[in-house]
Amino acid sequence: MELDFGPAVRDFRDELRDWLADHLVGEFAAHRGVGGPTDGAAWEVRLAWDRELSAGGWLGVGWPREYGGRGLGLLEEIVFEYEYARANAPYRATGNALDLLGPMLLKVGAEEQKKRFLPPILAVEELWGQGFSEPGAGSDLASVRTRAERDGEEWVVSGQKVWTSFGVHADWLYVLARTDPDSVRHKGLTMLLLPTDQPGVEIRPIRNLAGQDEFAEVFLSDARTGADMAVGEVGQGWRTAMATLGIERGTTLLPQQVTFEREAEALIELARQRGALDDPMLRRRIVDAWISVRIMRTTNLRTLAELTAGRTPGAQATTAKLYASTRHQQLGHLAQELAGPAGQIVGADYGLDTRQRSFLLSLAETIYGGSSEIQRNIIGEQILGLPKEPRP
């Protein structure tokens, strides 16, 4: 995938390419492409790489200078994400704070919150976890039951969160809690910033199919945080949460796009090695996989074009997550099938190769970030205008 974003950002692109060529070496080069939004592999190496990026001024390129960023525009942010993915650099360990929390604070946070939290994020001094999902409130986030009560100059928070990405490493959590006990569904929720190093916060790792513990469940028992740690208006946490998820489903799909294209090329090479291209049925499925990643590319480019033009992305931005997650699983299934019996054999201590790890981790993609069932409801009801699903 080769894109040229035009002369306005060509100097920035060349500067970034030169820096990556000089710094993506040694141990960092040996871990090219390692990690992902649900892949905790080589955590310490990735954390060291983030510090290298920070020292070079490459974290938060679009954030204002007063908070430690470079103050550049959306186009430069897109170029950075594209060139970073193109170089196959390690997945950033601080992605949760950089891609979600930071932009949320910039959009709706108080000035004191921005000054307190944004510089340590860019300096890789504080790591963050997202406290959204709960047992019984995953894709249906409006069913959140974690409660927070005001006690003088503090909030007292109790409840349980689950599927917290990289929660075992988090110094802070941004937690969606119900601050109005009489409220239901979307109303009466508040976004709170909560430190994890305190009594009343217990974090337990959850081991996944790939043998990693990038997810965690969090138990809150009268955990405390300051009254000034509410992001946005008290009781308007749903609006804040939706702004965060909107960020997540915007430009952050671009690195995944490049990864999928790389996997599709590896699939074609594997098919050549196995002689599978002589089989017309397999050849048809391989062509279908190749077409899928090109459709993803076109969809992402349409969304990026709308964002850079200052327009609200169209319907394709809403459908992108569903299409990418389901098609990625199909790509993984086909790769495993082409690998044959060798694809079922793991190394010592459950050592997985790149193809096996990608396949296993892709099985969760149709669940996290909004399950495929919920995504289809959103598309049907909000985009196509179909009748709402019957509810009990």
Protein backbone atom coordinates (compact mmCIF):
# COMPACT_ATOMS: atom_id res chain seq x y z
CA MET A 1 0.00 0.00 0.00
CA GLU A 2 1.68 3.20 -1.21
CA LEU A 3 -0.03 6.56 -0.71
CA ASP A 4 1.12 10.08 -1.49
CA PHE A 5 -0.66 12.72 0.60
CA GLY A 6 0.63 15.60 -1.50
CA PRO A 7 3.36 18.26 -1.30
CA ALA A 8 1.95 19.97 1.82
CA VAL A 9 3.12 17.13 4.07
CA ARG A 10 5.93 15.66 1.99
CA ASP A 11 8.68 17.20 4.15
CA PHE A 12 7.00 15.84 7.27
CA ARG A 13 6.71 12.40 5.68
CA ASP A 14 10.39 12.39 4.66
CA GLU A 15 11.45 13.49 8.15
CA LEU A 16 9.44 10.66 9.69
CA ARG A 17 10.78 8.07 7.24
CA ASP A 18 14.36 9.13 7.96
CA TRP A 19 13.80 8.97 11.72
CA LEU A 20 12.24 5.53 11.52
CA ALA A 21 15.10 4.27 9.36
CA ASP A 22 17.63 5.53 11.94
CA HIS A 23 15.82 4.38 15.09
CA LEU A 24 13.86 1.27 14.13
CA VAL A 25 16.97 -0.87 14.52
CA GLY A 26 18.40 -3.53 16.84
CA GLU A 27 15.92 -4.95 19.30
CA PHE A 28 13.17 -2.71 17.94
CA ALA A 29 13.69 -3.98 14.39
CA ALA A 30 13.71 -7.56 15.70
CA HIS A 31 10.20 -6.90 17.03
CA ARG A 32 8.70 -5.32 13.91
CA GLY A 33 4.93 -5.57 13.90
CA VAL A 34 4.75 -7.13 17.36
CA GLY A 35 1.70 -6.43 19.49
CA GLY A 36 -1.72 -5.07 18.70
CA PRO A 37 -4.87 -3.66 20.32
CA THR A 38 -5.41 -7.04 22.01
CA ASP A 39 -1.89 -8.47 21.77
CA GLY A 40 0.38 -7.91 24.76
CA ALA A 41 3.47 -9.57 23.27
CA ALA A 42 6.93 -8.08 24.01
CA TRP A 43 5.46 -5.47 26.34
CA GLU A 44 8.76 -4.16 27.76
CA VAL A 45 10.29 -3.79 24.29
CA ARG A 46 7.24 -1.87 23.10
CA LEU A 47 7.33 0.35 26.17
CA ALA A 48 11.00 1.15 25.47
CA TRP A 49 10.08 1.89 21.86
CA ASP A 50 7.37 4.32 23.00
CA ARG A 51 9.98 6.15 25.07
CA GLU A 52 12.18 6.33 21.98
CA LEU A 53 9.27 7.85 20.05
CA SER A 54 8.65 10.28 22.89
CA ALA A 55 12.27 11.44 22.94
CA GLY A 56 12.05 12.04 19.19
CA GLY A 57 8.85 14.09 19.51
CA TRP A 58 6.70 11.58 17.62
CA LEU A 59 3.95 10.98 20.17
CA GLY A 60 0.93 13.26 19.91
CA VAL A 61 2.06 15.05 16.74
CA GLY A 62 -1.37 16.68 16.51
CA TRP A 63 -1.61 17.66 20.18
CA PRO A 64 -1.08 21.33 21.14
CA ARG A 65 2.47 22.35 21.99
CA GLU A 66 1.52 23.54 25.47
CA TYR A 67 0.79 19.93 26.43
CA GLY A 68 3.92 18.46 24.85
CA GLY A 69 2.68 17.79 21.31
CA ARG A 70 3.90 19.22 18.02
CA GLY A 71 0.76 21.20 17.22
CA LEU A 72 0.39 19.78 13.70
CA GLY A 73 -2.81 19.11 11.78
CA LEU A 74 -5.02 16.14 11.04
CA LEU A 75 -3.26 15.40 7.76
CA GLU A 76 0.08 15.05 9.53
CA GLU A 77 -1.54 12.72 12.07
CA ILE A 78 -2.84 10.55 9.23
CA VAL A 79 0.56 10.54 7.51
CA PHE A 80 2.20 9.52 10.79
CA GLU A 81 -0.19 6.59 11.31
CA TYR A 82 0.23 5.45 7.72
CA GLU A 83 4.05 5.67 7.63
CA TYR A 84 4.28 4.07 11.07
CA ALA A 85 2.20 1.11 9.91
CA ARG A 86 4.08 0.96 6.62
CA ALA A 87 7.37 0.63 8.52
CA ASN A 88 5.79 -2.23 10.52
CA ALA A 89 6.99 -0.66 13.78
CA PRO A 90 5.99 -2.27 17.11
CA TYR A 91 2.43 -1.53 18.20
CA ARG A 92 2.52 1.33 20.70
CA ALA A 93 2.07 0.24 24.31
CA THR A 94 0.57 3.64 25.13
CA GLY A 95 -2.06 3.40 22.39
CA ASN A 96 -5.00 3.49 24.82
CA ALA A 97 -4.03 6.90 26.18
CA LEU A 98 -2.75 8.27 22.87
CA ASP A 99 -5.68 7.20 20.70
CA LEU A 100 -8.59 7.47 23.14
CA LEU A 101 -8.10 9.23 26.46
CA GLY A 102 -5.86 12.03 25.19
CA PRO A 103 -8.18 13.10 22.36
CA MET A 104 -11.14 12.87 24.77
CA LEU A 105 -9.45 15.23 27.23
CA LEU A 106 -8.51 17.61 24.44
CA LYS A 107 -12.14 17.67 23.33
CA VAL A 108 -14.07 17.88 26.62
CA GLY A 109 -11.55 17.88 29.49
CA ALA A 110 -11.00 20.79 31.89
CA GLU A 111 -7.84 22.84 31.44
CA GLU A 112 -6.43 21.56 34.74
CA GLN A 113 -6.99 17.97 33.58
CA LYS A 114 -5.19 18.62 30.31
CA LYS A 115 -2.19 20.15 32.05
CA ARG A 116 -2.07 17.36 34.62
CA PHE A 117 -2.45 14.31 32.39
CA LEU A 118 -1.46 15.04 28.78
CA PRO A 119 2.29 15.72 29.30
CA PRO A 120 2.85 12.47 31.32
CA ILE A 121 1.06 10.51 28.58
CA LEU A 122 3.41 11.86 25.92
CA ALA A 123 6.42 11.30 28.20
CA VAL A 124 5.33 7.65 28.72
CA GLU A 125 5.28 8.23 32.47
CA GLU A 126 1.68 7.13 33.13
CA LEU A 127 -0.26 4.29 31.49
CA TRP A 128 -4.02 4.15 31.17
CA GLY A 129 -6.80 1.56 30.99
CA GLN A 130 -10.40 1.96 29.83
CA GLY A 131 -13.12 1.17 32.39
CA PHE A 132 -16.16 0.87 30.13
CA SER A 133 -17.37 -2.73 29.72
CA GLU A 134 -18.91 -4.68 32.59
CA PRO A 135 -20.45 -8.13 33.02
CA GLY A 136 -23.84 -7.55 31.40
CA ALA A 137 -22.80 -4.20 29.91
CA GLY A 138 -20.43 -4.82 27.03
CA SER A 139 -21.82 -3.87 23.65
CA ASP A 140 -24.89 -2.60 25.52
CA LEU A 141 -22.82 -0.02 27.36
CA ALA A 142 -25.85 1.90 28.58
CA SER A 143 -26.49 -0.88 31.11
CA VAL A 144 -23.47 0.17 33.21
CA ARG A 145 -24.02 -0.49 36.93
CA THR A 146 -20.74 0.67 38.47
CA ARG A 147 -21.78 3.46 40.82
CA ALA A 148 -20.04 6.56 42.09
CA GLU A 149 -21.22 8.63 45.05
CA ARG A 150 -20.02 12.07 46.07
CA ASP A 151 -18.32 12.24 49.48
CA GLY A 152 -17.16 15.80 50.10
CA GLU A 153 -14.30 16.52 47.71
CA GLU A 154 -14.11 12.94 46.44
CA TRP A 155 -16.00 10.39 44.40
CA VAL A 156 -16.37 6.91 45.93
CA VAL A 157 -16.58 4.27 43.20
CA SER A 158 -17.75 0.65 43.48
CA GLY A 159 -18.42 -1.94 40.80
CA GLN A 160 -16.75 -4.26 38.34
CA LYS A 161 -15.19 -3.62 34.94
CA VAL A 162 -14.05 -6.28 32.49
CA TRP A 163 -12.10 -6.61 29.21
CA THR A 164 -9.83 -3.72 30.26
CA SER A 165 -7.11 -3.68 27.60
CA PHE A 166 -3.64 -3.84 29.20
CA GLY A 167 -5.30 -3.13 32.55
CA VAL A 168 -2.55 -4.94 34.47
CA HIS A 169 -0.16 -2.13 33.45
CA ALA A 170 -2.53 0.79 34.09
CA ASP A 171 -1.62 3.56 36.54
CA TRP A 172 -4.99 5.24 35.91
CA LEU A 173 -8.39 4.22 34.59
CA TYR A 174 -11.04 6.33 32.89
CA VAL A 175 -14.24 4.86 34.27
CA LEU A 176 -17.84 5.22 33.14
CA ALA A 177 -19.93 5.18 36.33
CA ARG A 178 -23.52 5.85 37.32
CA THR A 179 -23.58 8.96 39.51
CA ASP A 180 -27.37 9.27 39.62
CA PRO A 181 -28.73 6.17 41.40
CA ASP A 182 -32.23 6.79 40.07
CA SER A 183 -31.14 7.04 36.44
CA VAL A 184 -31.54 4.39 33.74
CA ARG A 185 -29.78 3.62 30.49
CA HIS A 186 -27.87 6.56 28.96
CA LYS A 187 -28.75 9.15 31.58
CA GLY A 188 -26.99 9.80 34.88
CA LEU A 189 -23.55 8.50 33.84
CA THR A 190 -20.27 10.32 34.47
CA MET A 191 -16.73 9.78 33.16
CA LEU A 192 -14.24 9.66 36.05
CA LEU A 193 -10.43 9.47 36.13
CA LEU A 194 -9.37 7.02 38.83
CA PRO A 195 -5.87 6.07 40.12
CA THR A 196 -5.24 2.33 40.44
CA ASP A 197 -2.58 2.47 43.17
CA GLN A 198 -4.95 2.60 46.13
CA PRO A 199 -6.99 0.34 48.41
CA GLY A 200 -10.24 -0.69 46.80
CA VAL A 201 -8.80 -1.37 43.32
CA GLU A 202 -8.07 -4.99 42.41
CA ILE A 203 -6.93 -5.88 38.89
CA ARG A 204 -6.92 -9.50 37.74
CA PRO A 205 -5.48 -10.57 34.37
CA ILE A 206 -7.55 -12.55 31.88
CA ARG A 207 -5.61 -15.02 29.73
CA ASN A 208 -6.73 -15.27 26.09
CA LEU A 209 -6.49 -17.96 23.39
CA ALA A 210 -3.00 -16.78 22.44
CA GLY A 211 -1.82 -17.36 26.01
CA GLN A 212 -1.51 -13.66 26.86
CA ASP A 213 -3.03 -11.51 29.58
CA GLU A 214 -3.62 -8.23 27.73
CA PHE A 215 -7.19 -8.09 29.09
CA ALA A 216 -8.07 -7.68 32.75
CA GLU A 217 -11.07 -7.46 35.04
CA VAL A 218 -11.15 -4.66 37.60
CA PHE A 219 -12.93 -4.78 40.96
CA LEU A 220 -13.68 -1.42 42.59
CA SER A 221 -14.65 -1.40 46.28
CA ASP A 222 -15.06 2.14 47.62
CA ALA A 223 -12.16 3.33 45.47
CA ARG A 224 -11.66 7.07 45.61
CA THR A 225 -10.81 9.88 43.25
CA GLY A 226 -11.02 13.66 43.43
CA ALA A 227 -14.19 15.58 42.76
CA ASP A 228 -12.30 17.40 40.01
CA MET A 229 -11.65 14.11 38.19
CA ALA A 230 -15.00 14.12 36.33
CA VAL A 231 -14.45 14.62 32.59
CA GLY A 232 -17.12 16.78 31.02
CA GLU A 233 -20.39 17.46 32.81
CA VAL A 234 -21.54 15.29 35.68
CA GLY A 235 -24.38 13.10 34.40
CA GLN A 236 -23.31 13.51 30.77
CA GLY A 237 -20.84 10.64 30.68
CA TRP A 238 -22.64 8.89 27.84
CA ARG A 239 -21.92 11.81 25.53
CA THR A 240 -18.27 11.74 26.60
CA ALA A 241 -18.01 7.97 26.08
CA MET A 242 -19.53 8.16 22.61
CA ALA A 243 -17.03 10.86 21.65
CA THR A 244 -14.25 8.51 22.73
CA LEU A 245 -15.62 5.61 20.69
CA GLY A 246 -16.01 7.92 17.71
CA ILE A 247 -12.30 8.65 17.91
CA GLU A 248 -11.55 4.94 18.17
CA ARG A 249 -13.42 4.16 14.95
CA GLY A 250 -11.89 7.01 12.94
CA THR A 251 -8.27 7.23 11.85
CA THR A 252 -7.19 4.34 14.11
CA LEU A 253 -8.42 1.81 11.50
CA LEU A 254 -5.67 2.86 9.08
CA PRO A 255 -2.85 0.84 10.75
CA GLN A 256 -5.12 -2.22 10.78
CA GLN A 257 -5.70 -1.73 7.08
CA VAL A 258 -1.98 -1.90 6.32
CA THR A 259 -1.64 -5.00 8.53
CA PHE A 260 -4.48 -6.76 6.69
CA GLU A 261 -2.87 -6.01 3.33
CA ARG A 262 0.42 -7.41 4.58
CA GLU A 263 -1.35 -10.57 5.73
CA ALA A 264 -3.11 -10.92 2.37
CA GLU A 265 0.20 -10.77 0.54
CA ALA A 266 1.61 -13.42 2.89
CA LEU A 267 -1.47 -15.55 2.17
CA ILE A 268 -0.85 -15.39 -1.59
CA GLU A 269 2.80 -16.32 -1.10
CA LEU A 270 1.80 -19.27 1.09
CA ALA A 271 -0.67 -20.41 -1.58
CA ARG A 272 2.11 -20.33 -4.19
CA GLN A 273 4.37 -22.40 -1.96
CA ARG A 274 1.63 -25.00 -1.40
CA GLY A 275 0.56 -25.10 -5.04
CA ALA A 276 -2.93 -24.02 -4.01
CA LEU A 277 -3.29 -21.62 -6.94
CA ASP A 278 -3.91 -24.63 -9.19
CA ASP A 279 -7.14 -25.36 -7.32
CA PRO A 280 -9.91 -23.19 -8.88
CA MET A 281 -12.03 -23.17 -5.70
CA LEU A 282 -9.13 -22.13 -3.45
CA ARG A 283 -8.00 -19.61 -6.04
CA ARG A 284 -11.44 -18.03 -5.99
CA ARG A 285 -11.35 -17.74 -2.18
CA ILE A 286 -7.87 -16.20 -2.30
CA VAL A 287 -9.02 -13.64 -4.88
CA ASP A 288 -12.01 -12.85 -2.65
CA ALA A 289 -9.64 -12.21 0.29
CA TRP A 290 -7.49 -9.97 -1.89
CA ILE A 291 -10.54 -8.01 -3.00
CA SER A 292 -11.66 -7.65 0.62
CA VAL A 293 -8.56 -5.78 1.75
CA ARG A 294 -8.84 -3.50 -1.31
CA ILE A 295 -12.41 -2.70 -0.32
CA MET A 296 -11.16 -1.89 3.19
CA ARG A 297 -8.56 0.42 1.67
CA THR A 298 -11.16 2.26 -0.41
CA THR A 299 -13.46 2.58 2.59
CA ASN A 300 -10.69 3.98 4.80
CA LEU A 301 -9.55 6.42 2.11
CA ARG A 302 -13.11 7.72 1.72
CA THR A 303 -13.31 8.30 5.48
CA LEU A 304 -9.90 9.99 5.60
CA ALA A 305 -10.83 12.24 2.67
CA GLU A 306 -13.99 13.34 4.49
CA LEU A 307 -12.12 13.96 7.75
CA THR A 308 -9.43 16.08 6.08
CA ALA A 309 -12.14 18.06 4.27
CA GLY A 310 -13.77 18.84 7.63
CA ARG A 311 -16.87 16.74 6.93
CA THR A 312 -18.55 14.17 9.14
CA PRO A 313 -17.66 10.71 7.76
CA GLY A 314 -20.44 8.97 5.87
CA ALA A 315 -22.11 5.61 6.33
CA GLN A 316 -18.99 3.68 5.31
CA ALA A 317 -17.29 4.74 8.56
CA THR A 318 -20.08 3.04 10.52
CA THR A 319 -19.85 -0.18 8.51
CA ALA A 320 -16.01 -0.34 8.51
CA LYS A 321 -15.60 -2.10 11.86
CA LEU A 322 -18.10 -4.86 11.04
CA TYR A 323 -16.62 -5.47 7.59
CA ALA A 324 -12.99 -5.42 8.75
CA SER A 325 -13.50 -7.76 11.70
CA THR A 326 -15.52 -10.39 9.82
CA ARG A 327 -13.25 -10.32 6.77
CA HIS A 328 -10.12 -10.54 8.91
CA GLN A 329 -11.45 -13.72 10.48
CA GLN A 330 -12.11 -15.19 7.03
CA LEU A 331 -8.56 -14.29 6.01
CA GLY A 332 -7.20 -16.06 9.08
CA HIS A 333 -9.30 -19.17 8.53
CA LEU A 334 -8.06 -19.42 4.93
CA ALA A 335 -4.42 -18.95 5.97
CA GLN A 336 -4.73 -21.72 8.55
CA GLU A 337 -6.36 -24.01 6.00
CA LEU A 338 -3.56 -23.38 3.50
CA ALA A 339 -0.94 -24.04 6.19
CA GLY A 340 -2.35 -27.54 6.59
CA PRO A 341 -1.38 -29.75 9.56
CA ALA A 342 1.64 -27.52 10.25
CA GLY A 343 -0.77 -24.74 11.15
CA GLN A 344 -2.04 -26.82 14.08
CA ILE A 345 1.39 -27.35 15.65
CA VAL A 346 2.75 -24.85 18.17
CA GLY A 347 6.26 -24.42 19.51
CA ALA A 348 7.66 -24.98 22.99
CA ASP A 349 5.67 -23.37 25.82
CA TYR A 350 2.74 -22.81 23.45
CA GLY A 351 4.88 -20.72 21.11
CA LEU A 352 2.75 -19.38 18.24
CA ASP A 353 3.96 -18.15 14.89
CA THR A 354 2.71 -14.87 13.43
CA ARG A 355 -0.03 -16.54 11.39
CA GLN A 356 -1.39 -18.56 14.31
CA ARG A 357 -1.36 -15.58 16.70
CA SER A 358 -3.17 -13.34 14.21
CA PHE A 359 -5.82 -16.00 13.58
CA LEU A 360 -6.51 -16.64 17.27
CA LEU A 361 -6.64 -12.95 18.17
CA SER A 362 -8.95 -12.18 15.24
CA LEU A 363 -11.63 -14.40 16.79
CA ALA A 364 -12.29 -11.68 19.38
CA GLU A 365 -12.56 -8.85 16.83
CA THR A 366 -16.26 -9.49 16.22
CA ILE A 367 -16.89 -9.05 19.96
CA TYR A 368 -14.74 -6.24 21.35
CA GLY A 369 -15.32 -2.63 20.34
CA GLY A 370 -18.98 -3.45 19.71
CA SER A 371 -20.11 -6.97 18.77
CA SER A 372 -21.12 -7.75 15.20
CA GLU A 373 -24.73 -8.25 16.33
CA ILE A 374 -24.85 -4.75 17.80
CA GLN A 375 -23.04 -3.32 14.75
CA ARG A 376 -25.68 -4.81 12.45
CA ASN A 377 -28.45 -3.29 14.57
CA ILE A 378 -26.77 0.12 14.36
CA ILE A 379 -26.39 -0.14 10.60
CA GLY A 380 -29.94 -1.39 10.11
CA GLU A 381 -31.66 1.09 12.41
CA GLN A 382 -29.51 4.23 12.12
CA ILE A 383 -28.15 4.01 8.58
CA LEU A 384 -30.82 2.08 6.65
CA GLY A 385 -33.79 3.27 8.69
CA LEU A 386 -35.15 -0.22 9.33
CA PRO A 387 -37.55 -0.92 12.22
CA LYS A 388 -35.89 -1.31 15.59
CA GLU A 389 -35.21 -4.77 16.94
CA PRO A 390 -38.03 -5.90 19.26
CA ARG A 391 -37.04 -5.55 22.93
CA PRO A 392 -38.53 -7.38 25.92
